Amino acid sequence: MRKGNVLCAFRNAFRGIIYCARHERNMKIHLGAMVLVAFLAWWSKITKYELLILVITVASVLVAEMVNTAVETIVDMISPEFHPMAKIAKDVAAGAVLITAIVSLLVGYMLFFYRIWT
């Protein structure tokens, strides 16, 4: 594999991240939550294992949101008119984001609740 191909792949990947951060409302919300969580982690001095759990949890939400964006974009491109199967694909992708977001709230609660309110 040529060196330029790897650099091109990374550049394209970063473009995808930047696209989501600039154009997707929910990604902006998730990134804002990530900043808040990073501050809480620093402020409450969580352990390295708790930090690892937090990083994996936050990353899973961001990845789910990006996959959802990709699915919605492809479905809109392939089926610009309404189709029940297209709706199912988009709803399932959105459901995956919702599940990861709910689990991340649960993880955040378990890590921060007693540190903040006791």
PDB file of N, CA and C in Angstrom:
ATOM      1  N   MET A   1       0.844  -1.175   0.000  1.00  0.00           N
ATOM      2  CA  MET A   1       0.000   0.000   0.000  1.00  0.00           C
ATOM      3  C   MET A   1       0.890   1.238   0.000  1.00  0.00           C
ATOM      4  N   ARG A   2       0.523   2.185  -0.818  1.00  0.00           N
ATOM      5  CA  ARG A   2       1.317   3.410  -0.902  1.00  0.00           C
ATOM      6  C   ARG A   2       1.045   4.317   0.284  1.00  0.00           C
ATOM      7  N   LYS A   3       2.041   5.125   0.623  1.00  0.00           N
ATOM      8  CA  LYS A   3       1.935   6.029   1.761  1.00  0.00           C
ATOM      9  C   LYS A   3       0.812   7.050   1.563  1.00  0.00           C
ATOM     10  N   GLY A   4       0.677   7.554   0.361  1.00  0.00           N
ATOM     11  CA  GLY A   4      -0.362   8.537   0.071  1.00  0.00           C
ATOM     12  C   GLY A   4      -1.765   8.007   0.297  1.00  0.00           C
ATOM     13  N   ASN A   5      -1.982   6.732   0.059  1.00  0.00           N
ATOM     14  CA  ASN A   5      -3.308   6.153   0.249  1.00  0.00           C
ATOM     15  C   ASN A   5      -3.732   6.176   1.714  1.00  0.00           C
ATOM     16  N   VAL A   6      -2.799   5.910   2.610  1.00  0.00           N
ATOM     17  CA  VAL A   6      -3.117   5.925   4.042  1.00  0.00           C
ATOM     18  C   VAL A   6      -3.421   7.357   4.486  1.00  0.00           C
ATOM     19  N   LEU A   7      -2.611   8.300   4.064  1.00  0.00           N
ATOM     20  CA  LEU A   7      -2.854   9.700   4.420  1.00  0.00           C
ATOM     21  C   LEU A   7      -4.176  10.188   3.851  1.00  0.00           C
ATOM     22  N   CYS A   8      -4.478   9.780   2.645  1.00  0.00           N
ATOM     23  CA  CYS A   8      -5.752  10.153   2.019  1.00  0.00           C
ATOM     24  C   CYS A   8      -6.924   9.561   2.809  1.00  0.00           C
ATOM     25  N   ALA A   9      -6.784   8.330   3.259  1.00  0.00           N
ATOM     26  CA  ALA A   9      -7.836   7.683   4.044  1.00  0.00           C
ATOM     27  C   ALA A   9      -8.071   8.425   5.363  1.00  0.00           C
ATOM     28  N   PHE A  10      -6.990   8.818   6.032  1.00  0.00           N
ATOM     29  CA  PHE A  10      -7.140   9.572   7.275  1.00  0.00           C
ATOM     30  C   PHE A  10      -7.779  10.934   7.018  1.00  0.00           C
ATOM     31  N   ARG A  11      -7.351  11.596   5.957  1.00  0.00           N
ATOM     32  CA  ARG A  11      -7.913  12.908   5.615  1.00  0.00           C
ATOM     33  C   ARG A  11      -9.412  12.783   5.365  1.00  0.00           C
ATOM     34  N   ASN A  12      -9.822  11.759   4.609  1.00  0.00           N
ATOM     35  CA  ASN A  12     -11.242  11.563   4.341  1.00  0.00           C
ATOM     36  C   ASN A  12     -12.017  11.245   5.616  1.00  0.00           C
ATOM     37  N   ALA A  13     -11.426  10.462   6.492  1.00  0.00           N
ATOM     38  CA  ALA A  13     -12.080  10.144   7.759  1.00  0.00           C
ATOM     39  C   ALA A  13     -12.287  11.406   8.598  1.00  0.00           C
ATOM     40  N   PHE A  14     -11.266  12.254   8.666  1.00  0.00           N
ATOM     41  CA  PHE A  14     -11.407  13.505   9.411  1.00  0.00           C
ATOM     42  C   PHE A  14     -12.447  14.416   8.768  1.00  0.00           C
ATOM     43  N   ARG A  15     -12.536  14.394   7.453  1.00  0.00           N
ATOM     44  CA  ARG A  15     -13.582  15.175   6.773  1.00  0.00           C
ATOM     45  C   ARG A  15     -14.963  14.697   7.187  1.00  0.00           C
ATOM     46  N   GLY A  16     -15.122  13.400   7.338  1.00  0.00           N
ATOM     47  CA  GLY A  16     -16.400  12.864   7.776  1.00  0.00           C
ATOM     48  C   GLY A  16     -16.750  13.315   9.189  1.00  0.00           C
ATOM     49  N   ILE A  17     -15.767  13.293  10.067  1.00  0.00           N
ATOM     50  CA  ILE A  17     -15.988  13.753  11.445  1.00  0.00           C
ATOM     51  C   ILE A  17     -16.363  15.232  11.458  1.00  0.00           C
ATOM     52  N   ILE A  18     -15.623  16.021  10.709  1.00  0.00           N
ATOM     53  CA  ILE A  18     -15.880  17.466  10.657  1.00  0.00           C
ATOM     54  C   ILE A  18     -17.246  17.745  10.046  1.00  0.00           C
ATOM     55  N   TYR A  19     -17.612  16.994   9.002  1.00  0.00           N
ATOM     56  CA  TYR A  19     -18.934  17.180   8.397  1.00  0.00           C
ATOM     57  C   TYR A  19     -20.027  16.980   9.447  1.00  0.00           C
ATOM     58  N   CYS A  20     -19.943  15.888  10.177  1.00  0.00           N
ATOM     59  CA  CYS A  20     -20.958  15.608  11.203  1.00  0.00           C
ATOM     60  C   CYS A  20     -20.984  16.699  12.270  1.00  0.00           C
ATOM     61  N   ALA A  21     -19.820  17.122  12.698  1.00  0.00           N
ATOM     62  CA  ALA A  21     -19.742  18.144  13.745  1.00  0.00           C
ATOM     63  C   ALA A  21     -20.328  19.475  13.273  1.00  0.00           C
ATOM     64  N   ARG A  22     -20.191  19.786  12.011  1.00  0.00           N
ATOM     65  CA  ARG A  22     -20.682  21.068  11.492  1.00  0.00           C
ATOM     66  C   ARG A  22     -22.147  21.043  11.081  1.00  0.00           C
ATOM     67  N   HIS A  23     -22.619  19.909  10.570  1.00  0.00           N
ATOM     68  CA  HIS A  23     -23.928  19.879   9.923  1.00  0.00           C
ATOM     69  C   HIS A  23     -25.007  19.102  10.660  1.00  0.00           C
ATOM     70  N   GLU A  24     -24.647  18.280  11.601  1.00  0.00           N
ATOM     71  CA  GLU A  24     -25.647  17.451  12.278  1.00  0.00           C
ATOM     72  C   GLU A  24     -25.956  18.007  13.666  1.00  0.00           C
ATOM     73  N   ARG A  25     -27.208  18.426  13.865  1.00  0.00           N
ATOM     74  CA  ARG A  25     -27.614  19.031  15.131  1.00  0.00           C
ATOM     75  C   ARG A  25     -27.363  18.098  16.315  1.00  0.00           C
ATOM     76  N   ASN A  26     -27.739  16.841  16.171  1.00  0.00           N
ATOM     77  CA  ASN A  26     -27.568  15.912  17.288  1.00  0.00           C
ATOM     78  C   ASN A  26     -26.099  15.654  17.595  1.00  0.00           C
ATOM     79  N   MET A  27     -25.249  15.680  16.581  1.00  0.00           N
ATOM     80  CA  MET A  27     -23.811  15.512  16.828  1.00  0.00           C
ATOM     81  C   MET A  27     -23.296  16.695  17.647  1.00  0.00           C
ATOM     82  N   LYS A  28     -23.788  17.882  17.361  1.00  0.00           N
ATOM     83  CA  LYS A  28     -23.394  19.057  18.149  1.00  0.00           C
ATOM     84  C   LYS A  28     -23.822  18.883  19.604  1.00  0.00           C
ATOM     85  N   ILE A  29     -25.011  18.342  19.807  1.00  0.00           N
ATOM     86  CA  ILE A  29     -25.490  18.093  21.173  1.00  0.00           C
ATOM     87  C   ILE A  29     -24.587  17.071  21.866  1.00  0.00           C
ATOM     88  N   HIS A  30     -24.257  15.994  21.169  1.00  0.00           N
ATOM     89  CA  HIS A  30     -23.394  14.960  21.751  1.00  0.00           C
ATOM     90  C   HIS A  30     -22.003  15.510  22.053  1.00  0.00           C
ATOM     91  N   LEU A  31     -21.476  16.347  21.177  1.00  0.00           N
ATOM     92  CA  LEU A  31     -20.152  16.940  21.426  1.00  0.00           C
ATOM     93  C   LEU A  31     -20.197  17.888  22.622  1.00  0.00           C
ATOM     94  N   GLY A  32     -21.281  18.633  22.758  1.00  0.00           N
ATOM     95  CA  GLY A  32     -21.445  19.487  23.936  1.00  0.00           C
ATOM     96  C   GLY A  32     -21.503  18.670  25.218  1.00  0.00           C
ATOM     97  N   ALA A  33     -22.233  17.558  25.166  1.00  0.00           N
ATOM     98  CA  ALA A  33     -22.296  16.660  26.323  1.00  0.00           C
ATOM     99  C   ALA A  33     -20.925  16.089  26.624  1.00  0.00           C
ATOM    100  N   MET A  34     -20.153  15.794  25.591  1.00  0.00           N
ATOM    101  CA  MET A  34     -18.803  15.258  25.786  1.00  0.00           C
ATOM    102  C   MET A  34     -17.923  16.268  26.525  1.00  0.00           C
ATOM    103  N   VAL A  35     -18.040  17.534  26.173  1.00  0.00           N
ATOM    104  CA  VAL A  35     -17.258  18.570  26.859  1.00  0.00           C
ATOM    105  C   VAL A  35     -17.667  18.647  28.329  1.00  0.00           C
ATOM    106  N   LEU A  36     -18.968  18.607  28.598  1.00  0.00           N
ATOM    107  CA  LEU A  36     -19.458  18.625  29.979  1.00  0.00           C
ATOM    108  C   LEU A  36     -18.949  17.416  30.760  1.00  0.00           C
ATOM    109  N   VAL A  37     -19.002  16.247  30.151  1.00  0.00           N
ATOM    110  CA  VAL A  37     -18.541  15.019  30.798  1.00  0.00           C
ATOM    111  C   VAL A  37     -17.034  15.081  31.057  1.00  0.00           C
ATOM    112  N   ALA A  38     -16.283  15.627  30.115  1.00  0.00           N
ATOM    113  CA  ALA A  38     -14.832  15.762  30.314  1.00  0.00           C
ATOM    114  C   ALA A  38     -14.543  16.676  31.497  1.00  0.00           C
ATOM    115  N   PHE A  39     -15.296  17.774  31.607  1.00  0.00           N
ATOM    116  CA  PHE A  39     -15.115  18.663  32.758  1.00  0.00           C
ATOM    117  C   PHE A  39     -15.465  17.950  34.053  1.00  0.00           C
ATOM    118  N   LEU A  40     -16.585  17.234  34.080  1.00  0.00           N
ATOM    119  CA  LEU A  40     -16.982  16.511  35.294  1.00  0.00           C
ATOM    120  C   LEU A  40     -15.943  15.451  35.672  1.00  0.00           C
ATOM    121  N   ALA A  41     -15.384  14.790  34.674  1.00  0.00           N
ATOM    122  CA  ALA A  41     -14.365  13.764  34.938  1.00  0.00           C
ATOM    123  C   ALA A  41     -13.135  14.406  35.565  1.00  0.00           C
ATOM    124  N   TRP A  42     -12.722  15.549  35.030  1.00  0.00           N
ATOM    125  CA  TRP A  42     -11.566  16.258  35.581  1.00  0.00           C
ATOM    126  C   TRP A  42     -11.878  16.763  36.991  1.00  0.00           C
ATOM    127  N   TRP A  43     -13.045  17.371  37.155  1.00  0.00           N
ATOM    128  CA  TRP A  43     -13.419  17.981  38.420  1.00  0.00           C
ATOM    129  C   TRP A  43     -13.578  16.944  39.536  1.00  0.00           C
ATOM    130  N   SER A  44     -14.128  15.789  39.199  1.00  0.00           N
ATOM    131  CA  SER A  44     -14.380  14.777  40.223  1.00  0.00           C
ATOM    132  C   SER A  44     -13.223  13.794  40.393  1.00  0.00           C
ATOM    133  N   LYS A  45     -12.167  13.969  39.590  1.00  0.00           N
ATOM    134  CA  LYS A  45     -10.962  13.142  39.718  1.00  0.00           C
ATOM    135  C   LYS A  45     -11.293  11.649  39.675  1.00  0.00           C
ATOM    136  N   ILE A  46     -11.938  11.229  38.605  1.00  0.00           N
ATOM    137  CA  ILE A  46     -12.284   9.820  38.490  1.00  0.00           C
ATOM    138  C   ILE A  46     -11.029   8.977  38.266  1.00  0.00           C
ATOM    139  N   THR A  47     -11.135   7.712  38.543  1.00  0.00           N
ATOM    140  CA  THR A  47      -9.991   6.814  38.388  1.00  0.00           C
ATOM    141  C   THR A  47      -9.725   6.552  36.903  1.00  0.00           C
ATOM    142  N   LYS A  48      -8.569   5.971  36.609  1.00  0.00           N
ATOM    143  CA  LYS A  48      -8.245   5.696  35.205  1.00  0.00           C
ATOM    144  C   LYS A  48      -9.188   4.660  34.612  1.00  0.00           C
ATOM    145  N   TYR A  49      -9.682   3.733  35.409  1.00  0.00           N
ATOM    146  CA  TYR A  49     -10.621   2.736  34.900  1.00  0.00           C
ATOM    147  C   TYR A  49     -11.992   3.362  34.629  1.00  0.00           C
ATOM    148  N   GLU A  50     -12.402   4.255  35.490  1.00  0.00           N
ATOM    149  CA  GLU A  50     -13.649   4.977  35.251  1.00  0.00           C
ATOM    150  C   GLU A  50     -13.521   5.856  34.000  1.00  0.00           C
ATOM    151  N   LEU A  51     -12.365   6.463  33.840  1.00  0.00           N
ATOM    152  CA  LEU A  51     -12.125   7.276  32.645  1.00  0.00           C
ATOM    153  C   LEU A  51     -12.189   6.420  31.387  1.00  0.00           C
ATOM    154  N   LEU A  52     -11.629   5.237  31.446  1.00  0.00           N
ATOM    155  CA  LEU A  52     -11.671   4.322  30.307  1.00  0.00           C
ATOM    156  C   LEU A  52     -13.117   3.985  29.947  1.00  0.00           C
ATOM    157  N   ILE A  53     -13.927   3.681  30.939  1.00  0.00           N
ATOM    158  CA  ILE A  53     -15.345   3.398  30.708  1.00  0.00           C
ATOM    159  C   ILE A  53     -16.028   4.602  30.084  1.00  0.00           C
ATOM    160  N   LEU A  54     -15.713   5.784  30.599  1.00  0.00           N
ATOM    161  CA  LEU A  54     -16.308   7.015  30.090  1.00  0.00           C
ATOM    162  C   LEU A  54     -15.916   7.272  28.637  1.00  0.00           C
ATOM    163  N   VAL A  55     -14.659   7.084  28.306  1.00  0.00           N
ATOM    164  CA  VAL A  55     -14.182   7.314  26.938  1.00  0.00           C
ATOM    165  C   VAL A  55     -14.863   6.348  25.973  1.00  0.00           C
ATOM    166  N   ILE A  56     -14.956   5.086  26.344  1.00  0.00           N
ATOM    167  CA  ILE A  56     -15.605   4.098  25.486  1.00  0.00           C
ATOM    168  C   ILE A  56     -17.087   4.441  25.308  1.00  0.00           C
ATOM    169  N   THR A  57     -17.726   4.871  26.368  1.00  0.00           N
ATOM    170  CA  THR A  57     -19.144   5.215  26.308  1.00  0.00           C
ATOM    171  C   THR A  57     -19.373   6.424  25.402  1.00  0.00           C
ATOM    172  N   VAL A  58     -18.588   7.466  25.596  1.00  0.00           N
ATOM    173  CA  VAL A  58     -18.732   8.666  24.772  1.00  0.00           C
ATOM    174  C   VAL A  58     -18.430   8.344  23.310  1.00  0.00           C
ATOM    175  N   ALA A  59     -17.389   7.579  23.069  1.00  0.00           N
ATOM    176  CA  ALA A  59     -17.038   7.212  21.693  1.00  0.00           C
ATOM    177  C   ALA A  59     -18.163   6.420  21.040  1.00  0.00           C
ATOM    178  N   SER A  60     -18.811   5.542  21.783  1.00  0.00           N
ATOM    179  CA  SER A  60     -19.883   4.740  21.191  1.00  0.00           C
ATOM    180  C   SER A  60     -21.056   5.622  20.759  1.00  0.00           C
ATOM    181  N   VAL A  61     -21.357   6.651  21.532  1.00  0.00           N
ATOM    182  CA  VAL A  61     -22.438   7.567  21.150  1.00  0.00           C
ATOM    183  C   VAL A  61     -22.058   8.329  19.883  1.00  0.00           C
ATOM    184  N   LEU A  62     -20.834   8.837  19.832  1.00  0.00           N
ATOM    185  CA  LEU A  62     -20.397   9.591  18.653  1.00  0.00           C
ATOM    186  C   LEU A  62     -20.369   8.704  17.411  1.00  0.00           C
ATOM    187  N   VAL A  63     -19.879   7.483  17.562  1.00  0.00           N
ATOM    188  CA  VAL A  63     -19.839   6.559  16.428  1.00  0.00           C
ATOM    189  C   VAL A  63     -21.261   6.221  15.976  1.00  0.00           C
ATOM    190  N   ALA A  64     -22.148   5.962  16.911  1.00  0.00           N
ATOM    191  CA  ALA A  64     -23.533   5.645  16.545  1.00  0.00           C
ATOM    192  C   ALA A  64     -24.166   6.813  15.783  1.00  0.00           C
ATOM    193  N   GLU A  65     -23.909   8.024  16.225  1.00  0.00           N
ATOM    194  CA  GLU A  65     -24.454   9.201  15.541  1.00  0.00           C
ATOM    195  C   GLU A  65     -23.894   9.326  14.124  1.00  0.00           C
ATOM    196  N   MET A  66     -22.622   9.028  13.964  1.00  0.00           N
ATOM    197  CA  MET A  66     -22.018   9.109  12.631  1.00  0.00           C
ATOM    198  C   MET A  66     -22.553   8.010  11.712  1.00  0.00           C
ATOM    199  N   VAL A  67     -22.737   6.813  12.227  1.00  0.00           N
ATOM    200  CA  VAL A  67     -23.310   5.732  11.420  1.00  0.00           C
ATOM    201  C   VAL A  67     -24.750   6.079  11.047  1.00  0.00           C
ATOM    202  N   ASN A  68     -25.485   6.657  11.977  1.00  0.00           N
ATOM    203  CA  ASN A  68     -26.846   7.100  11.692  1.00  0.00           C
ATOM    204  C   ASN A  68     -26.855   8.121  10.560  1.00  0.00           C
ATOM    205  N   THR A  69     -25.940   9.064  10.594  1.00  0.00           N
ATOM    206  CA  THR A  69     -25.838  10.068   9.532  1.00  0.00           C
ATOM    207  C   THR A  69     -25.545   9.403   8.191  1.00  0.00           C
ATOM    208  N   ALA A  70     -24.637   8.440   8.200  1.00  0.00           N
ATOM    209  CA  ALA A  70     -24.300   7.734   6.957  1.00  0.00           C
ATOM    210  C   ALA A  70     -25.513   6.978   6.421  1.00  0.00           C
ATOM    211  N   VAL A  71     -26.224   6.280   7.301  1.00  0.00           N
ATOM    212  CA  VAL A  71     -27.409   5.524   6.870  1.00  0.00           C
ATOM    213  C   VAL A  71     -28.451   6.473   6.297  1.00  0.00           C
ATOM    214  N   GLU A  72     -28.734   7.564   6.994  1.00  0.00           N
ATOM    215  CA  GLU A  72     -29.740   8.513   6.512  1.00  0.00           C
ATOM    216  C   GLU A  72     -29.347   9.110   5.167  1.00  0.00           C
ATOM    217  N   THR A  73     -28.074   9.426   5.006  1.00  0.00           N
ATOM    218  CA  THR A  73     -27.601  10.005   3.743  1.00  0.00           C
ATOM    219  C   THR A  73     -27.754   9.014   2.595  1.00  0.00           C
ATOM    220  N   ILE A  74     -27.366   7.784   2.820  1.00  0.00           N
ATOM    221  CA  ILE A  74     -27.480   6.759   1.771  1.00  0.00           C
ATOM    222  C   ILE A  74     -28.946   6.495   1.438  1.00  0.00           C
ATOM    223  N   VAL A  75     -29.782   6.381   2.451  1.00  0.00           N
ATOM    224  CA  VAL A  75     -31.201   6.121   2.211  1.00  0.00           C
ATOM    225  C   VAL A  75     -31.827   7.277   1.433  1.00  0.00           C
ATOM    226  N   ASP A  76     -31.498   8.519   1.807  1.00  0.00           N
ATOM    227  CA  ASP A  76     -32.039   9.676   1.083  1.00  0.00           C
ATOM    228  C   ASP A  76     -31.560   9.703  -0.364  1.00  0.00           C
ATOM    229  N   MET A  77     -30.328   9.271  -0.595  1.00  0.00           N
ATOM    230  CA  MET A  77     -29.783   9.255  -1.948  1.00  0.00           C
ATOM    231  C   MET A  77     -30.466   8.177  -2.793  1.00  0.00           C
ATOM    232  N   ILE A  78     -30.658   7.006  -2.225  1.00  0.00           N
ATOM    233  CA  ILE A  78     -31.227   5.883  -2.964  1.00  0.00           C
ATOM    234  C   ILE A  78     -32.742   6.031  -3.129  1.00  0.00           C
ATOM    235  N   SER A  79     -33.384   6.534  -2.094  1.00  0.00           N
ATOM    236  CA  SER A  79     -34.846   6.610  -2.109  1.00  0.00           C
ATOM    237  C   SER A  79     -35.293   8.012  -1.695  1.00  0.00           C
ATOM    238  N   PRO A  80     -35.201   8.992  -2.613  1.00  0.00           N
ATOM    239  CA  PRO A  80     -35.577  10.359  -2.248  1.00  0.00           C
ATOM    240  C   PRO A  80     -37.070  10.503  -1.916  1.00  0.00           C
ATOM    241  N   GLU A  81     -37.903   9.659  -2.496  1.00  0.00           N
ATOM    242  CA  GLU A  81     -39.321   9.683  -2.167  1.00  0.00           C
ATOM    243  C   GLU A  81     -39.566   8.760  -0.970  1.00  0.00           C
ATOM    244  N   PHE A  82     -40.700   8.949  -0.320  1.00  0.00           N
ATOM    245  CA  PHE A  82     -41.002   8.128   0.851  1.00  0.00           C
ATOM    246  C   PHE A  82     -41.161   6.671   0.447  1.00  0.00           C
ATOM    247  N   HIS A  83     -40.564   5.813   1.242  1.00  0.00           N
ATOM    248  CA  HIS A  83     -40.745   4.374   1.068  1.00  0.00           C
ATOM    249  C   HIS A  83     -40.720   3.757   2.463  1.00  0.00           C
ATOM    250  N   PRO A  84     -41.641   2.844   2.776  1.00  0.00           N
ATOM    251  CA  PRO A  84     -41.696   2.265   4.120  1.00  0.00           C
ATOM    252  C   PRO A  84     -40.402   1.572   4.537  1.00  0.00           C
ATOM    253  N   MET A  85     -39.715   0.933   3.595  1.00  0.00           N
ATOM    254  CA  MET A  85     -38.452   0.259   3.930  1.00  0.00           C
ATOM    255  C   MET A  85     -37.356   1.285   4.245  1.00  0.00           C
ATOM    256  N   ALA A  86     -37.365   2.404   3.540  1.00  0.00           N
ATOM    257  CA  ALA A  86     -36.401   3.465   3.821  1.00  0.00           C
ATOM    258  C   ALA A  86     -36.640   4.024   5.227  1.00  0.00           C
ATOM    259  N   LYS A  87     -37.907   4.170   5.586  1.00  0.00           N
ATOM    260  CA  LYS A  87     -38.245   4.655   6.933  1.00  0.00           C
ATOM    261  C   LYS A  87     -37.747   3.690   7.999  1.00  0.00           C
ATOM    262  N   ILE A  88     -37.898   2.406   7.765  1.00  0.00           N
ATOM    263  CA  ILE A  88     -37.423   1.412   8.728  1.00  0.00           C
ATOM    264  C   ILE A  88     -35.914   1.530   8.918  1.00  0.00           C
ATOM    265  N   ALA A  89     -35.173   1.636   7.817  1.00  0.00           N
ATOM    266  CA  ALA A  89     -33.710   1.754   7.913  1.00  0.00           C
ATOM    267  C   ALA A  89     -33.322   2.978   8.724  1.00  0.00           C
ATOM    268  N   LYS A  90     -33.972   4.107   8.461  1.00  0.00           N
ATOM    269  CA  LYS A  90     -33.640   5.334   9.186  1.00  0.00           C
ATOM    270  C   LYS A  90     -34.049   5.245  10.657  1.00  0.00           C
ATOM    271  N   ASP A  91     -35.211   4.663  10.911  1.00  0.00           N
ATOM    272  CA  ASP A  91     -35.685   4.537  12.296  1.00  0.00           C
ATOM    273  C   ASP A  91     -34.798   3.599  13.111  1.00  0.00           C
ATOM    274  N   VAL A  92     -34.353   2.509  12.506  1.00  0.00           N
ATOM    275  CA  VAL A  92     -33.477   1.567  13.211  1.00  0.00           C
ATOM    276  C   VAL A  92     -32.140   2.228  13.535  1.00  0.00           C
ATOM    277  N   ALA A  93     -31.584   2.972  12.586  1.00  0.00           N
ATOM    278  CA  ALA A  93     -30.321   3.670  12.837  1.00  0.00           C
ATOM    279  C   ALA A  93     -30.486   4.704  13.951  1.00  0.00           C
ATOM    280  N   ALA A  94     -31.592   5.429  13.920  1.00  0.00           N
ATOM    281  CA  ALA A  94     -31.854   6.403  14.983  1.00  0.00           C
ATOM    282  C   ALA A  94     -32.061   5.701  16.327  1.00  0.00           C
ATOM    283  N   GLY A  95     -32.695   4.543  16.305  1.00  0.00           N
ATOM    284  CA  GLY A  95     -32.879   3.764  17.533  1.00  0.00           C
ATOM    285  C   GLY A  95     -31.559   3.327  18.131  1.00  0.00           C
ATOM    286  N   ALA A  96     -30.600   2.994  17.289  1.00  0.00           N
ATOM    287  CA  ALA A  96     -29.271   2.615  17.788  1.00  0.00           C
ATOM    288  C   ALA A  96     -28.621   3.789  18.519  1.00  0.00           C
ATOM    289  N   VAL A  97     -28.789   4.980  17.984  1.00  0.00           N
ATOM    290  CA  VAL A  97     -28.247   6.167  18.657  1.00  0.00           C
ATOM    291  C   VAL A  97     -28.953   6.370  19.992  1.00  0.00           C
ATOM    292  N   LEU A  98     -30.260   6.214  19.993  1.00  0.00           N
ATOM    293  CA  LEU A  98     -31.021   6.401  21.228  1.00  0.00           C
ATOM    294  C   LEU A  98     -30.576   5.422  22.305  1.00  0.00           C
ATOM    295  N   ILE A  99     -30.383   4.171  21.951  1.00  0.00           N
ATOM    296  CA  ILE A  99     -29.928   3.177  22.926  1.00  0.00           C
ATOM    297  C   ILE A  99     -28.561   3.566  23.497  1.00  0.00           C
ATOM    298  N   THR A 100     -27.618   3.940  22.632  1.00  0.00           N
ATOM    299  CA  THR A 100     -26.287   4.313  23.142  1.00  0.00           C
ATOM    300  C   THR A 100     -26.363   5.562  24.002  1.00  0.00           C
ATOM    301  N   ALA A 101     -27.224   6.499  23.647  1.00  0.00           N
ATOM    302  CA  ALA A 101     -27.359   7.716  24.449  1.00  0.00           C
ATOM    303  C   ALA A 101     -27.952   7.403  25.828  1.00  0.00           C
ATOM    304  N   ILE A 102     -28.956   6.545  25.869  1.00  0.00           N
ATOM    305  CA  ILE A 102     -29.567   6.173  27.154  1.00  0.00           C
ATOM    306  C   ILE A 102     -28.554   5.435  28.026  1.00  0.00           C
ATOM    307  N   VAL A 103     -27.816   4.507  27.435  1.00  0.00           N
ATOM    308  CA  VAL A 103     -26.798   3.780  28.209  1.00  0.00           C
ATOM    309  C   VAL A 103     -25.725   4.751  28.703  1.00  0.00           C
ATOM    310  N   SER A 104     -25.357   5.729  27.887  1.00  0.00           N
ATOM    311  CA  SER A 104     -24.343   6.690  28.321  1.00  0.00           C
ATOM    312  C   SER A 104     -24.851   7.530  29.491  1.00  0.00           C
ATOM    313  N   LEU A 105     -26.132   7.870  29.482  1.00  0.00           N
ATOM    314  CA  LEU A 105     -26.702   8.585  30.629  1.00  0.00           C
ATOM    315  C   LEU A 105     -26.636   7.731  31.893  1.00  0.00           C
ATOM    316  N   LEU A 106     -26.921   6.455  31.757  1.00  0.00           N
ATOM    317  CA  LEU A 106     -26.845   5.536  32.888  1.00  0.00           C
ATOM    318  C   LEU A 106     -25.411   5.444  33.412  1.00  0.00           C
ATOM    319  N   VAL A 107     -24.452   5.320  32.512  1.00  0.00           N
ATOM    320  CA  VAL A 107     -23.035   5.274  32.918  1.00  0.00           C
ATOM    321  C   VAL A 107     -22.650   6.570  33.620  1.00  0.00           C
ATOM    322  N   GLY A 108     -23.049   7.704  33.041  1.00  0.00           N
ATOM    323  CA  GLY A 108     -22.754   9.001  33.670  1.00  0.00           C
ATOM    324  C   GLY A 108     -23.363   9.111  35.053  1.00  0.00           C
ATOM    325  N   TYR A 109     -24.594   8.659  35.191  1.00  0.00           N
ATOM    326  CA  TYR A 109     -25.238   8.668  36.500  1.00  0.00           C
ATOM    327  C   TYR A 109     -24.448   7.829  37.498  1.00  0.00           C
ATOM    328  N   MET A 110     -24.066   6.630  37.079  1.00  0.00           N
ATOM    329  CA  MET A 110     -23.349   5.727  37.978  1.00  0.00           C
ATOM    330  C   MET A 110     -21.973   6.285  38.367  1.00  0.00           C
ATOM    331  N   LEU A 111     -21.338   6.999  37.463  1.00  0.00           N
ATOM    332  CA  LEU A 111     -20.006   7.527  37.767  1.00  0.00           C
ATOM    333  C   LEU A 111     -20.038   8.833  38.547  1.00  0.00           C
ATOM    334  N   PHE A 112     -21.023   9.683  38.277  1.00  0.00           N
ATOM    335  CA  PHE A 112     -20.964  11.041  38.815  1.00  0.00           C
ATOM    336  C   PHE A 112     -21.965  11.371  39.909  1.00  0.00           C
ATOM    337  N   PHE A 113     -23.080  10.661  40.012  1.00  0.00           N
ATOM    338  CA  PHE A 113     -24.138  11.073  40.923  1.00  0.00           C
ATOM    339  C   PHE A 113     -23.647  11.257  42.349  1.00  0.00           C
ATOM    340  N   TYR A 114     -23.003  10.237  42.896  1.00  0.00           N
ATOM    341  CA  TYR A 114     -22.588  10.314  44.300  1.00  0.00           C
ATOM    342  C   TYR A 114     -21.427  11.253  44.508  1.00  0.00           C
ATOM    343  N   ARG A 115     -20.611  11.465  43.490  1.00  0.00           N
ATOM    344  CA  ARG A 115     -19.506  12.412  43.604  1.00  0.00           C
ATOM    345  C   ARG A 115     -20.015  13.855  43.633  1.00  0.00           C
ATOM    346  N   ILE A 116     -21.084  14.122  42.930  1.00  0.00           N
ATOM    347  CA  ILE A 116     -21.572  15.497  42.816  1.00  0.00           C
ATOM    348  C   ILE A 116     -22.545  15.848  43.932  1.00  0.00           C
ATOM    349  N   TRP A 117     -23.471  14.924  44.269  1.00  0.00           N
ATOM    350  CA  TRP A 117     -24.542  15.261  45.190  1.00  0.00           C
ATOM    351  C   TRP A 117     -24.390  14.663  46.579  1.00  0.00           C
ATOM    352  N   THR A 118     -23.181  14.287  46.963  1.00  0.00           N
ATOM    353  CA  THR A 118     -23.002  13.830  48.347  1.00  0.00           C
ATOM    354  C   THR A 118     -21.854  14.550  48.992  1.00  0.00           C
TER     355      THR A 118
END
